[in-house]
mmCIF file of all heavy atoms, coordinates in Angstrom:
data_MODEL
# 
_entry.id   MODEL 
# 
loop_
_atom_site.group_PDB 
_atom_site.id 
_atom_site.type_symbol 
_atom_site.label_atom_id 
_atom_site.label_alt_id 
_atom_site.label_comp_id 
_atom_site.label_asym_id 
_atom_site.label_entity_id 
_atom_site.label_seq_id 
_atom_site.pdbx_PDB_ins_code 
_atom_site.Cartn_x 
_atom_site.Cartn_y 
_atom_site.Cartn_z 
_atom_site.occupancy 
_atom_site.B_iso_or_equiv 
_atom_site.pdbx_formal_charge 
_atom_site.auth_seq_id 
_atom_site.auth_comp_id 
_atom_site.auth_asym_id 
_atom_site.auth_atom_id 
_atom_site.pdbx_PDB_model_num 
ATOM 1   N N   . ASN A 1 1  ? 0.821   -1.210 0.000   1.00 0.00 ? 1  ASN A N   1 
ATOM 2   C CA  . ASN A 1 1  ? 0.000   0.000  0.000   1.00 0.00 ? 1  ASN A CA  1 
ATOM 3   C C   . ASN A 1 1  ? 0.856   1.261  0.000   1.00 0.00 ? 1  ASN A C   1 
ATOM 4   O O   . ASN A 1 1  ? 0.369   2.351  -0.283  1.00 0.00 ? 1  ASN A O   1 
ATOM 5   C CB  . ASN A 1 1  ? -0.921  0.003  1.215   1.00 0.00 ? 1  ASN A CB  1 
ATOM 6   C CG  . ASN A 1 1  ? -2.106  0.922  1.037   1.00 0.00 ? 1  ASN A CG  1 
ATOM 7   O OD1 . ASN A 1 1  ? -2.602  1.089  -0.074  1.00 0.00 ? 1  ASN A OD1 1 
ATOM 8   N ND2 . ASN A 1 1  ? -2.552  1.538  2.119   1.00 0.00 ? 1  ASN A ND2 1 
ATOM 9   N N   . LYS A 1 2  ? 2.148   1.103  0.337   1.00 0.00 ? 2  LYS A N   1 
ATOM 10  C CA  . LYS A 1 2  ? 3.055   2.244  0.357   1.00 0.00 ? 2  LYS A CA  1 
ATOM 11  C C   . LYS A 1 2  ? 3.884   2.344  -0.915  1.00 0.00 ? 2  LYS A C   1 
ATOM 12  O O   . LYS A 1 2  ? 4.645   3.294  -1.087  1.00 0.00 ? 2  LYS A O   1 
ATOM 13  C CB  . LYS A 1 2  ? 3.989   2.126  1.570   1.00 0.00 ? 2  LYS A CB  1 
ATOM 14  C CG  . LYS A 1 2  ? 3.257   2.064  2.912   1.00 0.00 ? 2  LYS A CG  1 
ATOM 15  C CD  . LYS A 1 2  ? 4.242   1.879  4.052   1.00 0.00 ? 2  LYS A CD  1 
ATOM 16  C CE  . LYS A 1 2  ? 3.517   1.760  5.404   1.00 0.00 ? 2  LYS A CE  1 
ATOM 17  N NZ  . LYS A 1 2  ? 4.465   1.545  6.513   1.00 0.00 ? 2  LYS A NZ  1 
ATOM 18  N N   . MET A 1 3  ? 3.740   1.371  -1.796  1.00 0.00 ? 3  MET A N   1 
ATOM 19  C CA  . MET A 1 3  ? 4.538   1.353  -3.020  1.00 0.00 ? 3  MET A CA  1 
ATOM 20  C C   . MET A 1 3  ? 4.053   2.405  -4.005  1.00 0.00 ? 3  MET A C   1 
ATOM 21  O O   . MET A 1 3  ? 2.858   2.657  -4.125  1.00 0.00 ? 3  MET A O   1 
ATOM 22  C CB  . MET A 1 3  ? 4.486   -0.037 -3.666  1.00 0.00 ? 3  MET A CB  1 
ATOM 23  C CG  . MET A 1 3  ? 5.119   -1.126 -2.811  1.00 0.00 ? 3  MET A CG  1 
ATOM 24  S SD  . MET A 1 3  ? 4.831   -2.780 -3.473  1.00 0.00 ? 3  MET A SD  1 
ATOM 25  C CE  . MET A 1 3  ? 5.698   -2.642 -5.042  1.00 0.00 ? 3  MET A CE  1 
ATOM 26  N N   . GLN A 1 4  ? 4.998   3.022  -4.699  1.00 0.00 ? 4  GLN A N   1 
ATOM 27  C CA  . GLN A 1 4  ? 4.664   4.014  -5.712  1.00 0.00 ? 4  GLN A CA  1 
ATOM 28  C C   . GLN A 1 4  ? 4.157   3.326  -6.977  1.00 0.00 ? 4  GLN A C   1 
ATOM 29  O O   . GLN A 1 4  ? 4.617   2.234  -7.314  1.00 0.00 ? 4  GLN A O   1 
ATOM 30  C CB  . GLN A 1 4  ? 5.891   4.850  -6.060  1.00 0.00 ? 4  GLN A CB  1 
ATOM 31  C CG  . GLN A 1 4  ? 6.289   5.860  -4.986  1.00 0.00 ? 4  GLN A CG  1 
ATOM 32  C CD  . GLN A 1 4  ? 5.299   7.001  -4.870  1.00 0.00 ? 4  GLN A CD  1 
ATOM 33  O OE1 . GLN A 1 4  ? 4.743   7.461  -5.867  1.00 0.00 ? 4  GLN A OE1 1 
ATOM 34  N NE2 . GLN A 1 4  ? 5.072   7.439  -3.644  1.00 0.00 ? 4  GLN A NE2 1 
ATOM 35  N N   . PRO A 1 5  ? 3.209   3.948  -7.694  1.00 0.00 ? 5  PRO A N   1 
ATOM 36  C CA  . PRO A 1 5  ? 2.758   3.374  -8.967  1.00 0.00 ? 5  PRO A CA  1 
ATOM 37  C C   . PRO A 1 5  ? 3.918   3.316  -9.959  1.00 0.00 ? 5  PRO A C   1 
ATOM 38  O O   . PRO A 1 5  ? 4.937   4.004  -9.781  1.00 0.00 ? 5  PRO A O   1 
ATOM 39  C CB  . PRO A 1 5  ? 1.686   4.369  -9.438  1.00 0.00 ? 5  PRO A CB  1 
ATOM 40  C CG  . PRO A 1 5  ? 1.267   5.105  -8.202  1.00 0.00 ? 5  PRO A CG  1 
ATOM 41  C CD  . PRO A 1 5  ? 2.495   5.175  -7.339  1.00 0.00 ? 5  PRO A CD  1 
ATOM 42  N N   . PRO A 1 6  ? 3.798   2.514  -11.019 1.00 0.00 ? 6  PRO A N   1 
ATOM 43  C CA  . PRO A 1 6  ? 4.854   2.438  -12.034 1.00 0.00 ? 6  PRO A CA  1 
ATOM 44  C C   . PRO A 1 6  ? 5.125   3.799  -12.661 1.00 0.00 ? 6  PRO A C   1 
ATOM 45  O O   . PRO A 1 6  ? 4.258   4.687  -12.660 1.00 0.00 ? 6  PRO A O   1 
ATOM 46  C CB  . PRO A 1 6  ? 4.282   1.451  -13.063 1.00 0.00 ? 6  PRO A CB  1 
ATOM 47  C CG  . PRO A 1 6  ? 3.258   0.667  -12.314 1.00 0.00 ? 6  PRO A CG  1 
ATOM 48  C CD  . PRO A 1 6  ? 2.684   1.594  -11.299 1.00 0.00 ? 6  PRO A CD  1 
ATOM 49  N N   . ALA A 1 7  ? 6.313   3.945  -13.231 1.00 0.00 ? 7  ALA A N   1 
ATOM 50  C CA  . ALA A 1 7  ? 6.719   5.234  -13.805 1.00 0.00 ? 7  ALA A CA  1 
ATOM 51  C C   . ALA A 1 7  ? 5.774   5.694  -14.905 1.00 0.00 ? 7  ALA A C   1 
ATOM 52  O O   . ALA A 1 7  ? 5.466   6.884  -15.021 1.00 0.00 ? 7  ALA A O   1 
ATOM 53  C CB  . ALA A 1 7  ? 8.143   5.125  -14.347 1.00 0.00 ? 7  ALA A CB  1 
ATOM 54  N N   . TYR A 1 8  ? 5.290   4.753  -15.725 1.00 0.00 ? 8  TYR A N   1 
ATOM 55  C CA  . TYR A 1 8  ? 4.423   5.166  -16.840 1.00 0.00 ? 8  TYR A CA  1 
ATOM 56  C C   . TYR A 1 8  ? 3.094   5.722  -16.336 1.00 0.00 ? 8  TYR A C   1 
ATOM 57  O O   . TYR A 1 8  ? 2.504   6.614  -16.967 1.00 0.00 ? 8  TYR A O   1 
ATOM 58  C CB  . TYR A 1 8  ? 4.200   4.008  -17.816 1.00 0.00 ? 8  TYR A CB  1 
ATOM 59  C CG  . TYR A 1 8  ? 3.248   2.935  -17.354 1.00 0.00 ? 8  TYR A CG  1 
ATOM 60  C CD1 . TYR A 1 8  ? 1.902   2.969  -17.703 1.00 0.00 ? 8  TYR A CD1 1 
ATOM 61  C CD2 . TYR A 1 8  ? 3.696   1.875  -16.583 1.00 0.00 ? 8  TYR A CD2 1 
ATOM 62  C CE1 . TYR A 1 8  ? 1.027   1.983  -17.277 1.00 0.00 ? 8  TYR A CE1 1 
ATOM 63  C CE2 . TYR A 1 8  ? 2.833   0.882  -16.156 1.00 0.00 ? 8  TYR A CE2 1 
ATOM 64  C CZ  . TYR A 1 8  ? 1.501   0.938  -16.517 1.00 0.00 ? 8  TYR A CZ  1 
ATOM 65  O OH  . TYR A 1 8  ? 0.640   -0.040 -16.100 1.00 0.00 ? 8  TYR A OH  1 
ATOM 66  N N   . VAL A 1 9  ? 2.607   5.231  -15.182 1.00 0.00 ? 9  VAL A N   1 
ATOM 67  C CA  . VAL A 1 9  ? 1.365   5.760  -14.607 1.00 0.00 ? 9  VAL A CA  1 
ATOM 68  C C   . VAL A 1 9  ? 1.602   7.170  -14.063 1.00 0.00 ? 9  VAL A C   1 
ATOM 69  O O   . VAL A 1 9  ? 0.787   8.075  -14.261 1.00 0.00 ? 9  VAL A O   1 
ATOM 70  C CB  . VAL A 1 9  ? 0.840   4.834  -13.496 1.00 0.00 ? 9  VAL A CB  1 
ATOM 71  C CG1 . VAL A 1 9  ? -0.387  5.450  -12.826 1.00 0.00 ? 9  VAL A CG1 1 
ATOM 72  C CG2 . VAL A 1 9  ? 0.486   3.474  -14.069 1.00 0.00 ? 9  VAL A CG2 1 
ATOM 73  N N   . LEU A 1 10 ? 2.737   7.371  -13.381 1.00 0.00 ? 10 LEU A N   1 
ATOM 74  C CA  . LEU A 1 10 ? 3.064   8.696  -12.863 1.00 0.00 ? 10 LEU A CA  1 
ATOM 75  C C   . LEU A 1 10 ? 3.237   9.704  -13.994 1.00 0.00 ? 10 LEU A C   1 
ATOM 76  O O   . LEU A 1 10 ? 2.809   10.860 -13.889 1.00 0.00 ? 10 LEU A O   1 
ATOM 77  C CB  . LEU A 1 10 ? 4.352   8.620  -12.025 1.00 0.00 ? 10 LEU A CB  1 
ATOM 78  C CG  . LEU A 1 10 ? 4.276   7.778  -10.744 1.00 0.00 ? 10 LEU A CG  1 
ATOM 79  C CD1 . LEU A 1 10 ? 5.649   7.703  -10.094 1.00 0.00 ? 10 LEU A CD1 1 
ATOM 80  C CD2 . LEU A 1 10 ? 3.253   8.369  -9.784  1.00 0.00 ? 10 LEU A CD2 1 
ATOM 81  N N   . THR A 1 11 ? 3.846   9.256  -15.096 1.00 0.00 ? 11 THR A N   1 
ATOM 82  C CA  . THR A 1 11 ? 4.036   10.137 -16.252 1.00 0.00 ? 11 THR A CA  1 
ATOM 83  C C   . THR A 1 11 ? 2.698   10.552 -16.844 1.00 0.00 ? 11 THR A C   1 
ATOM 84  O O   . THR A 1 11 ? 2.476   11.733 -17.153 1.00 0.00 ? 11 THR A O   1 
ATOM 85  C CB  . THR A 1 11 ? 4.885   9.433  -17.329 1.00 0.00 ? 11 THR A CB  1 
ATOM 86  O OG1 . THR A 1 11 ? 6.168   9.112  -16.788 1.00 0.00 ? 11 THR A OG1 1 
ATOM 87  C CG2 . THR A 1 11 ? 5.071   10.333 -18.541 1.00 0.00 ? 11 THR A CG2 1 
ATOM 88  N N   . GLN A 1 12 ? 1.783   9.586  -16.998 1.00 0.00 ? 12 GLN A N   1 
ATOM 89  C CA  . GLN A 1 12 ? 0.468   9.911  -17.548 1.00 0.00 ? 12 GLN A CA  1 
ATOM 90  C C   . GLN A 1 12 ? -0.306  10.827 -16.616 1.00 0.00 ? 12 GLN A C   1 
ATOM 91  O O   . GLN A 1 12 ? -0.998  11.743 -17.065 1.00 0.00 ? 12 GLN A O   1 
ATOM 92  C CB  . GLN A 1 12 ? -0.311  8.622  -17.797 1.00 0.00 ? 12 GLN A CB  1 
ATOM 93  C CG  . GLN A 1 12 ? 0.262   7.777  -18.930 1.00 0.00 ? 12 GLN A CG  1 
ATOM 94  C CD  . GLN A 1 12 ? -0.515  6.503  -19.138 1.00 0.00 ? 12 GLN A CD  1 
ATOM 95  O OE1 . GLN A 1 12 ? -1.735  6.517  -19.224 1.00 0.00 ? 12 GLN A OE1 1 
ATOM 96  N NE2 . GLN A 1 12 ? 0.177   5.395  -19.213 1.00 0.00 ? 12 GLN A NE2 1 
ATOM 97  N N   . ALA A 1 13 ? -0.204  10.607 -15.314 1.00 0.00 ? 13 ALA A N   1 
ATOM 98  C CA  . ALA A 1 13 ? -0.900  11.459 -14.354 1.00 0.00 ? 13 ALA A CA  1 
ATOM 99  C C   . ALA A 1 13 ? -0.398  12.897 -14.452 1.00 0.00 ? 13 ALA A C   1 
ATOM 100 O O   . ALA A 1 13 ? -1.185  13.848 -14.437 1.00 0.00 ? 13 ALA A O   1 
ATOM 101 C CB  . ALA A 1 13 ? -0.700  10.914 -12.946 1.00 0.00 ? 13 ALA A CB  1 
ATOM 102 N N   . ALA A 1 14 ? 0.919   13.060 -14.565 1.00 0.00 ? 14 ALA A N   1 
ATOM 103 C CA  . ALA A 1 14 ? 1.497   14.399 -14.672 1.00 0.00 ? 14 ALA A CA  1 
ATOM 104 C C   . ALA A 1 14 ? 1.041   15.099 -15.948 1.00 0.00 ? 14 ALA A C   1 
ATOM 105 O O   . ALA A 1 14 ? 0.750   16.300 -15.941 1.00 0.00 ? 14 ALA A O   1 
ATOM 106 C CB  . ALA A 1 14 ? 3.030   14.305 -14.628 1.00 0.00 ? 14 ALA A CB  1 
ATOM 107 N N   . LYS A 1 15 ? 0.973   14.348 -17.044 1.00 0.00 ? 15 LYS A N   1 
ATOM 108 C CA  . LYS A 1 15 ? 0.541   14.934 -18.314 1.00 0.00 ? 15 LYS A CA  1 
ATOM 109 C C   . LYS A 1 15 ? -0.912  15.383 -18.246 1.00 0.00 ? 15 LYS A C   1 
ATOM 110 O O   . LYS A 1 15 ? -1.281  16.430 -18.785 1.00 0.00 ? 15 LYS A O   1 
ATOM 111 C CB  . LYS A 1 15 ? 0.751   13.940 -19.459 1.00 0.00 ? 15 LYS A CB  1 
ATOM 112 C CG  . LYS A 1 15 ? 2.200   13.789 -19.890 1.00 0.00 ? 15 LYS A CG  1 
ATOM 113 C CD  . LYS A 1 15 ? 2.321   12.892 -21.097 1.00 0.00 ? 15 LYS A CD  1 
ATOM 114 C CE  . LYS A 1 15 ? 3.771   12.848 -21.572 1.00 0.00 ? 15 LYS A CE  1 
ATOM 115 N NZ  . LYS A 1 15 ? 4.226   14.163 -22.072 1.00 0.00 ? 15 LYS A NZ  1 
ATOM 116 N N   . ILE A 1 16 ? -1.764  14.575 -17.609 1.00 0.00 ? 16 ILE A N   1 
ATOM 117 C CA  . ILE A 1 16 ? -3.176  14.936 -17.497 1.00 0.00 ? 16 ILE A CA  1 
ATOM 118 C C   . ILE A 1 16 ? -3.340  16.206 -16.672 1.00 0.00 ? 16 ILE A C   1 
ATOM 119 O O   . ILE A 1 16 ? -4.121  17.094 -17.006 1.00 0.00 ? 16 ILE A O   1 
ATOM 120 C CB  . ILE A 1 16 ? -3.975  13.779 -16.877 1.00 0.00 ? 16 ILE A CB  1 
ATOM 121 C CG1 . ILE A 1 16 ? -4.030  12.604 -17.855 1.00 0.00 ? 16 ILE A CG1 1 
ATOM 122 C CG2 . ILE A 1 16 ? -5.393  14.216 -16.507 1.00 0.00 ? 16 ILE A CG2 1 
ATOM 123 C CD1 . ILE A 1 16 ? -4.585  11.336 -17.273 1.00 0.00 ? 16 ILE A CD1 1 
ATOM 124 N N   . LEU A 1 17 ? -2.589  16.323 -15.574 1.00 0.00 ? 17 LEU A N   1 
ATOM 125 C CA  . LEU A 1 17 ? -2.659  17.521 -14.753 1.00 0.00 ? 17 LEU A CA  1 
ATOM 126 C C   . LEU A 1 17 ? -2.172  18.741 -15.530 1.00 0.00 ? 17 LEU A C   1 
ATOM 127 O O   . LEU A 1 17 ? -2.698  19.845 -15.372 1.00 0.00 ? 17 LEU A O   1 
ATOM 128 C CB  . LEU A 1 17 ? -1.835  17.334 -13.478 1.00 0.00 ? 17 LEU A CB  1 
ATOM 129 C CG  . LEU A 1 17 ? -2.365  16.274 -12.500 1.00 0.00 ? 17 LEU A CG  1 
ATOM 130 C CD1 . LEU A 1 17 ? -1.424  16.124 -11.316 1.00 0.00 ? 17 LEU A CD1 1 
ATOM 131 C CD2 . LEU A 1 17 ? -3.776  16.619 -12.035 1.00 0.00 ? 17 LEU A CD2 1 
ATOM 132 N N   . GLU A 1 18 ? -1.174  18.547 -16.378 1.00 0.00 ? 18 GLU A N   1 
ATOM 133 C CA  . GLU A 1 18 ? -0.672  19.645 -17.208 1.00 0.00 ? 18 GLU A CA  1 
ATOM 134 C C   . GLU A 1 18 ? -1.727  20.077 -18.225 1.00 0.00 ? 18 GLU A C   1 
ATOM 135 O O   . GLU A 1 18 ? -1.970  21.273 -18.423 1.00 0.00 ? 18 GLU A O   1 
ATOM 136 C CB  . GLU A 1 18 ? 0.602   19.193 -17.928 1.00 0.00 ? 18 GLU A CB  1 
ATOM 137 C CG  . GLU A 1 18 ? 1.232   20.263 -18.805 1.00 0.00 ? 18 GLU A CG  1 
ATOM 138 C CD  . GLU A 1 18 ? 2.466   19.761 -19.527 1.00 0.00 ? 18 GLU A CD  1 
ATOM 139 O OE1 . GLU A 1 18 ? 3.053   18.764 -19.067 1.00 0.00 ? 18 GLU A OE1 1 
ATOM 140 O OE2 . GLU A 1 18 ? 2.836   20.359 -20.545 1.00 0.00 ? 18 GLU A OE2 1 
ATOM 141 N N   . LEU A 1 19 ? -2.380  19.096 -18.865 1.00 0.00 ? 19 LEU A N   1 
ATOM 142 C CA  . LEU A 1 19 ? -3.444  19.408 -19.820 1.00 0.00 ? 19 LEU A CA  1 
ATOM 143 C C   . LEU A 1 19 ? -4.627  20.070 -19.126 1.00 0.00 ? 19 LEU A C   1 
ATOM 144 O O   . LEU A 1 19 ? -5.250  20.982 -19.664 1.00 0.00 ? 19 LEU A O   1 
ATOM 145 C CB  . LEU A 1 19 ? -3.906  18.123 -20.519 1.00 0.00 ? 19 LEU A CB  1 
ATOM 146 C CG  . LEU A 1 19 ? -2.892  17.459 -21.450 1.00 0.00 ? 19 LEU A CG  1 
ATOM 147 C CD1 . LEU A 1 19 ? -3.411  16.087 -21.880 1.00 0.00 ? 19 LEU A CD1 1 
ATOM 148 C CD2 . LEU A 1 19 ? -2.641  18.326 -22.678 1.00 0.00 ? 19 LEU A CD2 1 
ATOM 149 N N   . CYS A 1 20 ? -4.909  19.603 -17.921 1.00 0.00 ? 20 CYS A N   1 
ATOM 150 C CA  . CYS A 1 20 ? -6.018  20.148 -17.150 1.00 0.00 ? 20 CYS A CA  1 
ATOM 151 C C   . CYS A 1 20 ? -5.785  21.614 -16.816 1.00 0.00 ? 20 CYS A C   1 
ATOM 152 O O   . CYS A 1 20 ? -6.698  22.436 -16.864 1.00 0.00 ? 20 CYS A O   1 
ATOM 153 C CB  . CYS A 1 20 ? -6.207  19.317 -15.881 1.00 0.00 ? 20 CYS A CB  1 
ATOM 154 S SG  . CYS A 1 20 ? -7.622  19.776 -14.885 1.00 0.00 ? 20 CYS A SG  1 
ATOM 155 N N   . ALA A 1 21 ? -4.555  21.955 -16.465 1.00 0.00 ? 21 ALA A N   1 
ATOM 156 C CA  . ALA A 1 21 ? -4.231  23.334 -16.102 1.00 0.00 ? 21 ALA A CA  1 
ATOM 157 C C   . ALA A 1 21 ? -4.398  24.281 -17.279 1.00 0.00 ? 21 ALA A C   1 
ATOM 158 O O   . ALA A 1 21 ? -4.743  25.458 -17.105 1.00 0.00 ? 21 ALA A O   1 
ATOM 159 C CB  . ALA A 1 21 ? -2.795  23.401 -15.568 1.00 0.00 ? 21 ALA A CB  1 
ATOM 160 N N   . ALA A 1 22 ? -4.178  23.767 -18.503 1.00 0.00 ? 22 ALA A N   1 
ATOM 161 C CA  . ALA A 1 22 ? -4.273  24.612 -19.695 1.00 0.00 ? 22 ALA A CA  1 
ATOM 162 C C   . ALA A 1 22 ? -5.663  24.618 -20.311 1.00 0.00 ? 22 ALA A C   1 
ATOM 163 O O   . ALA A 1 22 ? -5.954  25.420 -21.196 1.00 0.00 ? 22 ALA A O   1 
ATOM 164 C CB  . ALA A 1 22 ? -3.259  24.142 -20.736 1.00 0.00 ? 22 ALA A CB  1 
ATOM 165 N N   . ALA A 1 23 ? -6.548  23.727 -19.854 1.00 0.00 ? 23 ALA A N   1 
ATOM 166 C CA  . ALA A 1 23 ? -7.874  23.589 -20.458 1.00 0.00 ? 23 ALA A CA  1 
ATOM 167 C C   . ALA A 1 23 ? -8.817  24.693 -19.998 1.00 0.00 ? 23 ALA A C   1 
ATOM 168 O O   . ALA A 1 23 ? -8.684  25.246 -18.904 1.00 0.00 ? 23 ALA A O   1 
ATOM 169 C CB  . ALA A 1 23 ? -8.455  22.229 -20.108 1.00 0.00 ? 23 ALA A CB  1 
ATOM 170 N N   . ASP A 1 24 ? -9.777  24.997 -20.855 1.00 0.00 ? 24 ASP A N   1 
ATOM 171 C CA  . ASP A 1 24 ? -10.799 26.001 -20.548 1.00 0.00 ? 24 ASP A CA  1 
ATOM 172 C C   . ASP A 1 24 ? -11.963 25.327 -19.827 1.00 0.00 ? 24 ASP A C   1 
ATOM 173 O O   . ASP A 1 24 ? -13.013 25.066 -20.405 1.00 0.00 ? 24 ASP A O   1 
ATOM 174 C CB  . ASP A 1 24 ? -11.271 26.682 -21.840 1.00 0.00 ? 24 ASP A CB  1 
ATOM 175 C CG  . ASP A 1 24 ? -12.247 27.823 -21.557 1.00 0.00 ? 24 ASP A CG  1 
ATOM 176 O OD1 . ASP A 1 24 ? -12.301 28.281 -20.405 1.00 0.00 ? 24 ASP A OD1 1 
ATOM 177 O OD2 . ASP A 1 24 ? -12.962 28.231 -22.503 1.00 0.00 ? 24 ASP A OD2 1 
ATOM 178 N N   . ILE A 1 25 ? -11.759 25.023 -18.555 1.00 0.00 ? 25 ILE A N   1 
ATOM 179 C CA  . ILE A 1 25 ? -12.765 24.336 -17.751 1.00 0.00 ? 25 ILE A CA  1 
ATOM 180 C C   . ILE A 1 25 ? -12.910 25.061 -16.421 1.00 0.00 ? 25 ILE A C   1 
ATOM 181 O O   . ILE A 1 25 ? -12.076 25.892 -16.058 1.00 0.00 ? 25 ILE A O   1 
ATOM 182 C CB  . ILE A 1 25 ? -12.403 22.861 -17.493 1.00 0.00 ? 25 ILE A CB  1 
ATOM 183 C CG1 . ILE A 1 25 ? -11.031 22.749 -16.805 1.00 0.00 ? 25 ILE A CG1 1 
ATOM 184 C CG2 . ILE A 1 25 ? -12.405 22.064 -18.797 1.00 0.00 ? 25 ILE A CG2 1 
ATOM 185 C CD1 . ILE A 1 25 ? -10.615 21.340 -16.455 1.00 0.00 ? 25 ILE A CD1 1 
ATOM 186 N N   . SER A 1 26 ? -13.972 24.729 -15.694 1.00 0.00 ? 26 SER A N   1 
ATOM 187 C CA  . SER A 1 26 ? -14.213 25.378 -14.409 1.00 0.00 ? 26 SER A CA  1 
ATOM 188 C C   . SER A 1 26 ? -13.206 24.899 -13.370 1.00 0.00 ? 26 SER A C   1 
ATOM 189 O O   . SER A 1 26 ? -12.638 23.800 -13.482 1.00 0.00 ? 26 SER A O   1 
ATOM 190 C CB  . SER A 1 26 ? -15.635 25.076 -13.923 1.00 0.00 ? 26 SER A CB  1 
ATOM 191 O OG  . SER A 1 26 ? -15.773 23.692 -13.623 1.00 0.00 ? 26 SER A OG  1 
ATOM 192 N N   . GLU A 1 27 ? -13.002 25.714 -12.335 1.00 0.00 ? 27 GLU A N   1 
ATOM 193 C CA  . GLU A 1 27 ? -12.085 25.343 -11.271 1.00 0.00 ? 27 GLU A CA  1 
ATOM 194 C C   . GLU A 1 27 ? -12.611 24.129 -10.512 1.00 0.00 ? 27 GLU A C   1 
ATOM 195 O O   . GLU A 1 27 ? -11.834 23.305 -10.025 1.00 0.00 ? 27 GLU A O   1 
ATOM 196 C CB  . GLU A 1 27 ? -11.897 26.516 -10.309 1.00 0.00 ? 27 GLU A CB  1 
ATOM 197 C CG  . GLU A 1 27 ? -10.862 26.258 -9.226  1.00 0.00 ? 27 GLU A CG  1 
ATOM 198 C CD  . GLU A 1 27 ? -9.496  25.911 -9.785  1.00 0.00 ? 27 GLU A CD  1 
ATOM 199 O OE1 . GLU A 1 27 ? -9.102  26.496 -10.822 1.00 0.00 ? 27 GLU A OE1 1 
ATOM 200 O OE2 . GLU A 1 27 ? -8.813  25.048 -9.192  1.00 0.00 ? 27 GLU A OE2 1 
# 
């Protein structure tokens, strides 16, 4: 339960957050 997700999952999560920050959506 303390293990970090695989690198590819962390990479995808970071990309989604980056896209989310640039998107025209509500807070």
